[in-house]
PDB file of N, CA and C in Angstrom:
ATOM      1  N   UNK A   1      -3.457 -67.562  -9.777  1.00  0.00           N
ATOM      2  CA  UNK A   1      -2.163 -66.989  -9.286  1.00  0.00           C
ATOM      3  C   UNK A   1      -2.109 -65.485 -10.039  1.00  0.00           C
ATOM      4  N   UNK A   2      -1.789 -64.507  -8.996  1.00  0.00           N
ATOM      5  CA  UNK A   2      -1.499 -63.442  -9.650  1.00  0.00           C
ATOM      6  C   UNK A   2      -0.254 -62.892  -9.993  1.00  0.00           C
ATOM      7  N   UNK A   3      -0.010 -62.260 -11.147  1.00  0.00           N
ATOM      8  CA  UNK A   3       1.261 -62.124 -11.694  1.00  0.00           C
ATOM      9  C   UNK A   3       1.791 -60.801 -10.867  1.00  0.00           C
ATOM     10  N   UNK A   4       3.124 -60.832 -10.536  1.00  0.00           N
ATOM     11  CA  UNK A   4       3.738 -59.801  -9.967  1.00  0.00           C
ATOM     12  C   UNK A   4       4.293 -58.798 -10.978  1.00  0.00           C
ATOM     13  N   UNK A   5       4.368 -57.600 -10.793  1.00  0.00           N
ATOM     14  CA  UNK A   5       4.849 -56.615 -11.696  1.00  0.00           C
ATOM     15  C   UNK A   5       6.475 -56.795 -11.721  1.00  0.00           C
ATOM     16  N   UNK A   6       7.069 -56.467 -12.799  1.00  0.00           N
ATOM     17  CA  UNK A   6       8.444 -56.539 -12.832  1.00  0.00           C
ATOM     18  C   UNK A   6       9.175 -55.439 -11.985  1.00  0.00           C
ATOM     19  N   UNK A   7      10.429 -55.841 -11.635  1.00  0.00           N
ATOM     20  CA  UNK A   7      11.070 -54.874 -10.630  1.00  0.00           C
ATOM     21  C   UNK A   7      11.309 -53.711 -11.327  1.00  0.00           C
ATOM     22  N   UNK A   8      11.267 -52.555 -10.447  1.00  0.00           N
ATOM     23  CA  UNK A   8      11.395 -51.337 -10.970  1.00  0.00           C
ATOM     24  C   UNK A   8      12.930 -51.189 -11.679  1.00  0.00           C
ATOM     25  N   UNK A   9      12.893 -50.399 -12.648  1.00  0.00           N
ATOM     26  CA  UNK A   9      14.117 -50.153 -13.475  1.00  0.00           C
ATOM     27  C   UNK A   9      14.646 -48.980 -12.928  1.00  0.00           C
ATOM     28  N   UNK A  10      15.829 -49.244 -12.419  1.00  0.00           N
ATOM     29  CA  UNK A  10      16.648 -48.307 -11.730  1.00  0.00           C
ATOM     30  C   UNK A  10      17.780 -47.708 -12.332  1.00  0.00           C
ATOM     31  N   UNK A  11      18.449 -48.525 -13.047  1.00  0.00           N
ATOM     32  CA  UNK A  11      19.661 -48.159 -14.165  1.00  0.00           C
ATOM     33  C   UNK A  11      19.217 -48.146 -15.465  1.00  0.00           C
ATOM     34  N   UNK A  12      18.021 -48.144 -15.824  1.00  0.00           N
ATOM     35  CA  UNK A  12      17.458 -47.959 -17.313  1.00  0.00           C
ATOM     36  C   UNK A  12      17.312 -49.344 -17.912  1.00  0.00           C
ATOM     37  N   UNK A  13      17.657 -50.436 -17.338  1.00  0.00           N
ATOM     38  CA  UNK A  13      17.264 -51.599 -18.002  1.00  0.00           C
ATOM     39  C   UNK A  13      16.171 -52.259 -17.361  1.00  0.00           C
ATOM     40  N   UNK A  14      15.112 -52.973 -18.233  1.00  0.00           N
ATOM     41  CA  UNK A  14      14.023 -53.348 -17.473  1.00  0.00           C
ATOM     42  C   UNK A  14      14.335 -54.826 -16.690  1.00  0.00           C
ATOM     43  N   UNK A  15      13.821 -54.694 -15.552  1.00  0.00           N
ATOM     44  CA  UNK A  15      14.069 -55.935 -14.670  1.00  0.00           C
ATOM     45  C   UNK A  15      15.396 -56.100 -13.871  1.00  0.00           C
ATOM     46  N   UNK A  16      16.153 -54.878 -14.011  1.00  0.00           N
ATOM     47  CA  UNK A  16      17.269 -54.798 -13.304  1.00  0.00           C
ATOM     48  C   UNK A  16      17.246 -53.859 -12.081  1.00  0.00           C
ATOM     49  N   UNK A  17      17.945 -54.210 -10.832  1.00  0.00           N
ATOM     50  CA  UNK A  17      18.044 -53.358  -9.725  1.00  0.00           C
ATOM     51  C   UNK A  17      19.377 -53.216  -9.426  1.00  0.00           C
ATOM     52  N   UNK A  18      19.922 -51.846  -9.431  1.00  0.00           N
ATOM     53  CA  UNK A  18      21.346 -51.791  -8.961  1.00  0.00           C
ATOM     54  C   UNK A  18      21.584 -51.987  -7.509  1.00  0.00           C
ATOM     55  N   UNK A  19      22.624 -52.275  -7.200  1.00  0.00           N
ATOM     56  CA  UNK A  19      22.961 -52.650  -5.645  1.00  0.00           C
ATOM     57  C   UNK A  19      23.093 -51.305  -4.974  1.00  0.00           C
ATOM     58  N   UNK A  20      22.660 -50.948  -3.818  1.00  0.00           N
ATOM     59  CA  UNK A  20      22.791 -49.815  -3.123  1.00  0.00           C
ATOM     60  C   UNK A  20      24.302 -49.586  -3.040  1.00  0.00           C
ATOM     61  N   UNK A  21      24.750 -48.278  -3.043  1.00  0.00           N
ATOM     62  CA  UNK A  21      25.905 -47.795  -3.289  1.00  0.00           C
ATOM     63  C   UNK A  21      26.505 -47.734  -1.613  1.00  0.00           C
ATOM     64  N   UNK A  22      27.929 -48.264  -1.531  1.00  0.00           N
ATOM     65  CA  UNK A  22      28.476 -48.318  -0.373  1.00  0.00           C
ATOM     66  C   UNK A  22      28.850 -46.788   0.053  1.00  0.00           C
ATOM     67  N   UNK A  23      28.704 -46.534   1.176  1.00  0.00           N
ATOM     68  CA  UNK A  23      29.112 -45.429   1.980  1.00  0.00           C
ATOM     69  C   UNK A  23      30.653 -45.472   2.326  1.00  0.00           C
ATOM     70  N   UNK A  24      31.287 -44.199   1.561  1.00  0.00           N
ATOM     71  CA  UNK A  24      32.596 -44.435   1.622  1.00  0.00           C
ATOM     72  C   UNK A  24      33.114 -43.384   3.062  1.00  0.00           C
ATOM     73  N   UNK A  25      33.903 -43.789   3.891  1.00  0.00           N
ATOM     74  CA  UNK A  25      34.303 -43.034   4.813  1.00  0.00           C
ATOM     75  C   UNK A  25      35.516 -42.112   4.365  1.00  0.00           C
ATOM     76  N   UNK A  26      35.275 -40.812   4.799  1.00  0.00           N
ATOM     77  CA  UNK A  26      36.241 -39.761   4.135  1.00  0.00           C
ATOM     78  C   UNK A  26      37.109 -39.590   5.540  1.00  0.00           C
ATOM     79  N   UNK A  27      38.290 -39.796   5.456  1.00  0.00           N
ATOM     80  CA  UNK A  27      39.237 -39.619   6.706  1.00  0.00           C
ATOM     81  C   UNK A  27      40.310 -38.435   6.127  1.00  0.00           C
ATOM     82  N   UNK A  28      40.837 -37.841   7.185  1.00  0.00           N
ATOM     83  CA  UNK A  28      41.710 -36.888   6.710  1.00  0.00           C
ATOM     84  C   UNK A  28      43.127 -37.052   6.349  1.00  0.00           C
ATOM     85  N   UNK A  29      43.258 -38.426   6.371  1.00  0.00           N
ATOM     86  CA  UNK A  29      44.684 -39.169   6.039  1.00  0.00           C
ATOM     87  C   UNK A  29      44.982 -39.110   4.542  1.00  0.00           C
ATOM     88  N   UNK A  30      43.915 -38.791   3.620  1.00  0.00           N
ATOM     89  CA  UNK A  30      44.100 -38.659   2.099  1.00  0.00           C
ATOM     90  C   UNK A  30      45.070 -37.638   1.659  1.00  0.00           C
ATOM     91  N   UNK A  31      45.092 -36.548   2.477  1.00  0.00           N
ATOM     92  CA  UNK A  31      46.082 -35.380   1.909  1.00  0.00           C
ATOM     93  C   UNK A  31      47.466 -35.917   2.469  1.00  0.00           C
ATOM     94  N   UNK A  32      47.699 -36.500   3.641  1.00  0.00           N
ATOM     95  CA  UNK A  32      48.995 -36.908   3.933  1.00  0.00           C
ATOM     96  C   UNK A  32      49.481 -38.203   2.927  1.00  0.00           C
ATOM     97  N   UNK A  33      48.783 -38.936   2.406  1.00  0.00           N
ATOM     98  CA  UNK A  33      49.089 -39.993   1.458  1.00  0.00           C
ATOM     99  C   UNK A  33      49.176 -39.274  -0.090  1.00  0.00           C
ATOM    100  N   UNK A  34      48.467 -38.337  -0.371  1.00  0.00           N
ATOM    101  CA  UNK A  34      48.498 -37.614  -1.506  1.00  0.00           C
ATOM    102  C   UNK A  34      49.720 -36.864  -1.751  1.00  0.00           C
ATOM    103  N   UNK A  35      50.124 -36.207  -0.864  1.00  0.00           N
ATOM    104  CA  UNK A  35      51.322 -35.449  -1.234  1.00  0.00           C
ATOM    105  C   UNK A  35      52.682 -36.171  -1.557  1.00  0.00           C
ATOM    106  N   UNK A  36      53.047 -37.321  -0.802  1.00  0.00           N
ATOM    107  CA  UNK A  36      54.338 -38.216  -1.173  1.00  0.00           C
ATOM    108  C   UNK A  36      53.922 -38.900  -2.559  1.00  0.00           C
ATOM    109  N   UNK A  37      52.750 -39.193  -2.939  1.00  0.00           N
ATOM    110  CA  UNK A  37      52.420 -39.849  -4.126  1.00  0.00           C
ATOM    111  C   UNK A  37      52.620 -38.883  -5.313  1.00  0.00           C
ATOM    112  N   UNK A  38      52.103 -37.540  -5.131  1.00  0.00           N
ATOM    113  CA  UNK A  38      52.332 -36.664  -6.188  1.00  0.00           C
ATOM    114  C   UNK A  38      53.901 -36.490  -6.321  1.00  0.00           C
ATOM    115  N   UNK A  39      54.532 -36.336  -5.331  1.00  0.00           N
ATOM    116  CA  UNK A  39      55.982 -35.859  -5.279  1.00  0.00           C
ATOM    117  C   UNK A  39      56.660 -37.010  -6.121  1.00  0.00           C
ATOM    118  N   UNK A  40      56.371 -38.341  -5.730  1.00  0.00           N
ATOM    119  CA  UNK A  40      57.033 -39.512  -6.387  1.00  0.00           C
ATOM    120  C   UNK A  40      56.729 -39.664  -7.775  1.00  0.00           C
ATOM    121  N   UNK A  41      55.686 -39.091  -8.269  1.00  0.00           N
ATOM    122  CA  UNK A  41      55.431 -39.088  -9.771  1.00  0.00           C
ATOM    123  C   UNK A  41      55.984 -37.908 -10.405  1.00  0.00           C
ATOM    124  N   UNK A  42      56.281 -36.751  -9.925  1.00  0.00           N
ATOM    125  CA  UNK A  42      56.588 -35.638 -10.345  1.00  0.00           C
ATOM    126  C   UNK A  42      58.095 -35.434 -10.275  1.00  0.00           C
ATOM    127  N   UNK A  43      58.703 -35.839  -9.263  1.00  0.00           N
ATOM    128  CA  UNK A  43      60.258 -35.642  -8.909  1.00  0.00           C
ATOM    129  C   UNK A  43      60.914 -36.650  -9.509  1.00  0.00           C
ATOM    130  N   UNK A  44      62.004 -36.598 -10.344  1.00  0.00           N
ATOM    131  CA  UNK A  44      62.781 -37.553 -10.772  1.00  0.00           C
ATOM    132  C   UNK A  44      63.672 -38.052  -9.684  1.00  0.00           C
ATOM    133  N   UNK A  45      64.122 -39.317 -10.035  1.00  0.00           N
ATOM    134  CA  UNK A  45      64.983 -40.123  -9.207  1.00  0.00           C
ATOM    135  C   UNK A  45      66.427 -39.584  -9.456  1.00  0.00           C
ATOM    136  N   UNK A  46      67.192 -40.074  -8.390  1.00  0.00           N
ATOM    137  CA  UNK A  46      68.532 -39.736  -8.415  1.00  0.00           C
ATOM    138  C   UNK A  46      69.380 -40.093  -9.747  1.00  0.00           C
ATOM    139  N   UNK A  47      69.046 -41.363 -10.266  1.00  0.00           N
ATOM    140  CA  UNK A  47      69.725 -41.825 -11.390  1.00  0.00           C
ATOM    141  C   UNK A  47      69.179 -40.999 -12.375  1.00  0.00           C
ATOM    142  N   UNK A  48      68.074 -40.400 -12.545  1.00  0.00           N
ATOM    143  CA  UNK A  48      67.478 -39.655 -13.749  1.00  0.00           C
ATOM    144  C   UNK A  48      68.384 -38.221 -13.721  1.00  0.00           C
ATOM    145  N   UNK A  49      68.589 -37.737 -12.550  1.00  0.00           N
ATOM    146  CA  UNK A  49      69.126 -36.371 -12.550  1.00  0.00           C
ATOM    147  C   UNK A  49      70.575 -36.405 -12.762  1.00  0.00           C
ATOM    148  N   UNK A  50      71.249 -37.561 -12.284  1.00  0.00           N
ATOM    149  CA  UNK A  50      72.747 -37.889 -12.603  1.00  0.00           C
ATOM    150  C   UNK A  50      72.843 -38.209 -14.178  1.00  0.00           C
ATOM    151  N   UNK A  51      72.005 -38.914 -14.901  1.00  0.00           N
ATOM    152  CA  UNK A  51      72.035 -39.097 -16.027  1.00  0.00           C
ATOM    153  C   UNK A  51      71.895 -37.754 -17.107  1.00  0.00           C
ATOM    154  N   UNK A  52      70.959 -36.946 -16.614  1.00  0.00           N
ATOM    155  CA  UNK A  52      70.757 -35.688 -17.366  1.00  0.00           C
ATOM    156  C   UNK A  52      71.977 -34.965 -17.189  1.00  0.00           C
ATOM    157  N   UNK A  53      72.458 -34.793 -15.977  1.00  0.00           N
ATOM    158  CA  UNK A  53      73.617 -33.993 -15.767  1.00  0.00           C
ATOM    159  C   UNK A  53      74.843 -34.325 -16.455  1.00  0.00           C
ATOM    160  N   UNK A  54      74.837 -35.753 -16.797  1.00  0.00           N
ATOM    161  CA  UNK A  54      76.050 -36.382 -17.566  1.00  0.00           C
ATOM    162  C   UNK A  54      75.597 -36.042 -18.910  1.00  0.00           C
ATOM    163  N   UNK A  55      74.612 -35.997 -19.332  1.00  0.00           N
ATOM    164  CA  UNK A  55      74.214 -35.788 -20.904  1.00  0.00           C
ATOM    165  C   UNK A  55      74.703 -34.118 -21.002  1.00  0.00           C
ATOM    166  N   UNK A  56      74.250 -33.210 -20.041  1.00  0.00           N
ATOM    167  CA  UNK A  56      74.486 -31.972 -20.268  1.00  0.00           C
ATOM    168  C   UNK A  56      76.123 -31.706 -20.457  1.00  0.00           C
ATOM    169  N   UNK A  57      76.777 -32.297 -19.316  1.00  0.00           N
ATOM    170  CA  UNK A  57      78.334 -32.208 -19.585  1.00  0.00           C
ATOM    171  C   UNK A  57      78.982 -32.820 -20.882  1.00  0.00           C
ATOM    172  N   UNK A  58      78.397 -33.888 -21.119  1.00  0.00           N
ATOM    173  CA  UNK A  58      79.192 -34.402 -22.499  1.00  0.00           C
ATOM    174  C   UNK A  58      78.536 -33.500 -23.599  1.00  0.00           C
ATOM    175  N   UNK A  59      77.505 -32.700 -23.636  1.00  0.00           N
ATOM    176  CA  UNK A  59      77.018 -31.768 -24.719  1.00  0.00           C
ATOM    177  C   UNK A  59      77.929 -30.405 -24.672  1.00  0.00           C
ATOM    178  N   UNK A  60      78.493 -30.062 -23.397  1.00  0.00           N
ATOM    179  CA  UNK A  60      79.210 -29.001 -23.143  1.00  0.00           C
ATOM    180  C   UNK A  60      80.669 -29.377 -23.801  1.00  0.00           C
ATOM    181  N   UNK A  61      81.163 -30.560 -23.463  1.00  0.00           N
ATOM    182  CA  UNK A  61      82.357 -30.960 -23.671  1.00  0.00           C
ATOM    183  C   UNK A  61      82.545 -30.970 -25.523  1.00  0.00           C
ATOM    184  N   UNK A  62      81.430 -31.804 -26.075  1.00  0.00           N
ATOM    185  CA  UNK A  62      81.461 -31.629 -27.498  1.00  0.00           C
ATOM    186  C   UNK A  62      81.386 -30.335 -28.071  1.00  0.00           C
ATOM    187  N   UNK A  63      80.716 -29.258 -27.705  1.00  0.00           N
ATOM    188  CA  UNK A  63      80.592 -28.060 -28.164  1.00  0.00           C
ATOM    189  C   UNK A  63      81.678 -27.276 -27.892  1.00  0.00           C
ATOM    190  N   UNK A  64      82.572 -27.423 -26.895  1.00  0.00           N
ATOM    191  CA  UNK A  64      83.770 -26.824 -26.767  1.00  0.00           C
ATOM    192  C   UNK A  64      84.715 -27.334 -27.813  1.00  0.00           C
ATOM    193  N   UNK A  65      84.661 -28.562 -27.920  1.00  0.00           N
ATOM    194  CA  UNK A  65      85.510 -29.453 -28.979  1.00  0.00           C
ATOM    195  C   UNK A  65      85.186 -28.879 -30.235  1.00  0.00           C
ATOM    196  N   UNK A  66      84.019 -28.816 -30.825  1.00  0.00           N
ATOM    197  CA  UNK A  66      83.685 -28.286 -31.971  1.00  0.00           C
ATOM    198  C   UNK A  66      83.898 -26.912 -32.258  1.00  0.00           C
ATOM    199  N   UNK A  67      83.620 -26.106 -31.124  1.00  0.00           N
ATOM    200  CA  UNK A  67      84.203 -24.601 -31.136  1.00  0.00           C
ATOM    201  C   UNK A  67      85.621 -24.390 -31.443  1.00  0.00           C
ATOM    202  N   UNK A  68      86.483 -25.385 -30.848  1.00  0.00           N
ATOM    203  CA  UNK A  68      87.950 -25.213 -30.870  1.00  0.00           C
ATOM    204  C   UNK A  68      88.526 -25.549 -32.232  1.00  0.00           C
ATOM    205  N   UNK A  69      87.766 -26.456 -32.782  1.00  0.00           N
ATOM    206  CA  UNK A  69      88.097 -27.090 -34.217  1.00  0.00           C
ATOM    207  C   UNK A  69      87.619 -26.037 -35.234  1.00  0.00           C
ATOM    208  N   UNK A  70      86.285 -25.249 -35.085  1.00  0.00           N
ATOM    209  CA  UNK A  70      86.056 -24.325 -35.817  1.00  0.00           C
ATOM    210  C   UNK A  70      87.058 -23.036 -35.942  1.00  0.00           C
ATOM    211  N   UNK A  71      87.364 -22.651 -34.745  1.00  0.00           N
ATOM    212  CA  UNK A  71      88.335 -21.552 -34.562  1.00  0.00           C
ATOM    213  C   UNK A  71      89.682 -21.791 -35.200  1.00  0.00           C
ATOM    214  N   UNK A  72      90.163 -22.951 -34.990  1.00  0.00           N
ATOM    215  CA  UNK A  72      91.434 -23.336 -35.595  1.00  0.00           C
ATOM    216  C   UNK A  72      91.342 -23.284 -37.207  1.00  0.00           C
ATOM    217  N   UNK A  73      90.255 -23.943 -37.583  1.00  0.00           N
ATOM    218  CA  UNK A  73      90.130 -23.786 -39.238  1.00  0.00           C
ATOM    219  C   UNK A  73      89.817 -22.427 -39.667  1.00  0.00           C
ATOM    220  N   UNK A  74      89.207 -21.335 -38.911  1.00  0.00           N
ATOM    221  CA  UNK A  74      89.071 -20.194 -39.226  1.00  0.00           C
ATOM    222  C   UNK A  74      90.108 -19.362 -39.345  1.00  0.00           C
ATOM    223  N   UNK A  75      91.052 -19.415 -38.196  1.00  0.00           N
ATOM    224  CA  UNK A  75      92.250 -18.729 -38.123  1.00  0.00           C
ATOM    225  C   UNK A  75      93.264 -19.126 -39.090  1.00  0.00           C
ATOM    226  N   UNK A  76      93.442 -20.548 -39.386  1.00  0.00           N
ATOM    227  CA  UNK A  76      94.159 -20.983 -40.527  1.00  0.00           C
ATOM    228  C   UNK A  76      93.779 -20.381 -41.809  1.00  0.00           C
ATOM    229  N   UNK A  77      92.397 -20.312 -41.996  1.00  0.00           N
ATOM    230  CA  UNK A  77      92.052 -19.483 -43.347  1.00  0.00           C
ATOM    231  C   UNK A  77      92.188 -18.108 -43.425  1.00  0.00           C
ATOM    232  N   UNK A  78      92.118 -17.536 -42.264  1.00  0.00           N
ATOM    233  CA  UNK A  78      92.532 -15.972 -42.217  1.00  0.00           C
ATOM    234  C   UNK A  78      94.177 -15.807 -42.442  1.00  0.00           C
ATOM    235  N   UNK A  79      94.929 -16.784 -41.866  1.00  0.00           N
ATOM    236  CA  UNK A  79      96.467 -16.769 -41.940  1.00  0.00           C
ATOM    237  C   UNK A  79      96.792 -16.922 -43.584  1.00  0.00           C
ATOM    238  N   UNK A  80      96.045 -17.806 -43.948  1.00  0.00           N
ATOM    239  CA  UNK A  80      96.272 -18.181 -45.366  1.00  0.00           C
ATOM    240  C   UNK A  80      95.996 -17.121 -46.433  1.00  0.00           C
ATOM    241  N   UNK A  81      94.928 -16.242 -46.103  1.00  0.00           N
ATOM    242  CA  UNK A  81      94.503 -15.238 -46.915  1.00  0.00           C
ATOM    243  C   UNK A  81      95.394 -14.001 -46.727  1.00  0.00           C
ATOM    244  N   UNK A  82      95.861 -13.880 -45.424  1.00  0.00           N
ATOM    245  CA  UNK A  82      96.846 -12.689 -45.082  1.00  0.00           C
ATOM    246  C   UNK A  82      98.189 -12.879 -45.914  1.00  0.00           C
ATOM    247  N   UNK A  83      98.672 -14.226 -45.890  1.00  0.00           N
ATOM    248  CA  UNK A  83      99.986 -14.524 -46.614  1.00  0.00           C
ATOM    249  C   UNK A  83      99.716 -14.381 -48.301  1.00  0.00           C
ATOM    250  N   UNK A  84      98.540 -14.795 -48.717  1.00  0.00           N
ATOM    251  CA  UNK A  84      98.253 -14.552 -49.941  1.00  0.00           C
ATOM    252  C   UNK A  84      98.241 -13.170 -50.522  1.00  0.00           C
ATOM    253  N   UNK A  85      97.646 -12.363 -49.570  1.00  0.00           N
ATOM    254  CA  UNK A  85      97.563 -10.908 -49.833  1.00  0.00           C
ATOM    255  C   UNK A  85      98.853 -10.143 -49.695  1.00  0.00           C
ATOM    256  N   UNK A  86      99.748 -10.541 -48.837  1.00  0.00           N
ATOM    257  CA  UNK A  86     100.966  -9.998 -48.564  1.00  0.00           C
ATOM    258  C   UNK A  86     102.097 -10.346 -49.780  1.00  0.00           C
ATOM    259  N   UNK A  87     101.927 -11.403 -50.117  1.00  0.00           N
ATOM    260  CA  UNK A  87     102.887 -11.997 -51.234  1.00  0.00           C
ATOM    261  C   UNK A  87     102.731 -11.284 -52.782  1.00  0.00           C
TER     262      UNK A  87
END
């Protein structure tokens, strides 16, 4: 009985043969599917936009409140210094 030679090494391992690669059909619909997919990943949803806008309005309100308190304290200090200077 004659011995047969081992199968050729296609992917680097002795005795293994890789399966033939399937041919992929390339159609023109991938662009039509890719654009909405990219937009869905990159554009935020309406809830995210409303939440960010709410955070911005809250920050503006707190900044206005802090500025009012600071101005009140600063004017009161000026008034006390002026009263102390005049007396």
